[in-house]
Amino acid sequence: MNIKSIQNLVSDAMNEIKTVNADEAYQMIKDNNCNLIDIREITELESTGRVNGASHIPRGMLEV
C-alpha cells in the first residue's frame, strides 16, 4: 500500500482547487457567480457574526 506524505496530499489537493484572492471573491459575489459557504462552527458565528449571503455548513458536516 502506497501511503502519501502530507506534502504530497496537499500538492494533489492544490492541483484540484482553484484559489482566488479577496478581490476576485468579492467580484464573484457581486456578480452572483459563486456559492459562498461559511464553514465555521456555530459558536464562532455567534461570537463573530455571520457572512451576508453565505450558506452555513460547519466543517465537521462537510467531512462526514
Protein backbone atom coordinates (compact mmCIF):
# COMPACT_ATOMS: atom_id res chain seq x y z
CA MET A 1 0.00 0.00 0.00
CA ASN A 2 1.39 3.38 -1.02
CA ILE A 3 0.98 5.99 1.74
CA LYS A 4 1.34 9.58 0.59
CA SER A 5 3.14 12.17 2.64
CA ILE A 6 1.33 15.26 3.90
CA GLN A 7 3.20 17.33 1.33
CA ASN A 8 2.01 15.07 -1.50
CA LEU A 9 -1.58 15.16 -0.25
CA VAL A 10 -1.53 18.96 -0.08
CA SER A 11 0.10 19.18 -3.50
CA ASP A 12 -2.55 16.89 -5.00
CA ALA A 13 -5.34 18.92 -3.40
CA MET A 14 -3.89 22.22 -4.64
CA ASN A 15 -3.93 20.84 -8.18
CA GLU A 16 -7.69 20.28 -7.84
CA ILE A 17 -8.63 23.52 -6.06
CA LYS A 18 -8.89 26.93 -7.67
CA THR A 19 -7.84 29.64 -5.25
CA VAL A 20 -8.95 33.25 -5.57
CA ASN A 21 -7.84 36.38 -3.78
CA ALA A 22 -10.20 38.61 -1.80
CA ASP A 23 -10.81 40.99 -4.72
CA GLU A 24 -11.71 38.12 -7.05
CA ALA A 25 -14.01 36.60 -4.43
CA TYR A 26 -15.74 39.95 -3.87
CA GLN A 27 -16.34 40.34 -7.60
CA MET A 28 -17.69 36.80 -7.86
CA ILE A 29 -20.13 37.55 -5.02
CA LYS A 30 -21.20 40.83 -6.65
CA ASP A 31 -21.77 39.03 -9.96
CA ASN A 32 -23.72 36.27 -8.19
CA ASN A 33 -21.22 33.86 -9.72
CA CYS A 34 -20.43 31.67 -6.73
CA ASN A 35 -21.82 29.85 -3.72
CA LEU A 36 -20.35 31.27 -0.54
CA ILE A 37 -20.15 28.68 2.24
CA ASP A 38 -19.21 29.60 5.80
CA ILE A 39 -17.62 26.53 7.40
CA ARG A 40 -17.13 27.96 10.88
CA GLU A 41 -18.76 26.26 13.85
CA ILE A 42 -21.96 27.76 15.26
CA THR A 43 -20.13 29.10 18.33
CA GLU A 44 -17.85 31.11 16.04
CA LEU A 45 -20.83 32.52 14.16
CA GLU A 46 -22.47 33.53 17.42
CA SER A 47 -19.35 35.32 18.66
CA THR A 48 -18.16 36.95 15.42
CA GLY A 49 -21.30 37.26 13.28
CA ARG A 50 -22.43 35.78 10.02
CA VAL A 51 -21.36 36.48 6.45
CA ASN A 52 -24.22 38.04 4.49
CA GLY A 53 -25.43 35.75 1.74
CA ALA A 54 -23.37 32.77 2.88
CA SER A 55 -24.74 29.31 3.48
CA HIS A 56 -23.64 27.88 6.81
CA ILE A 57 -22.30 24.33 6.61
CA PRO A 58 -19.99 23.54 9.54
CA ARG A 59 -16.70 21.97 8.53
CA GLY A 60 -17.49 18.83 10.50
CA MET A 61 -20.57 18.25 8.33
CA LEU A 62 -18.52 18.55 5.14
CA GLU A 63 -16.06 15.93 6.36
CA VAL A 64 -18.72 13.28 7.01
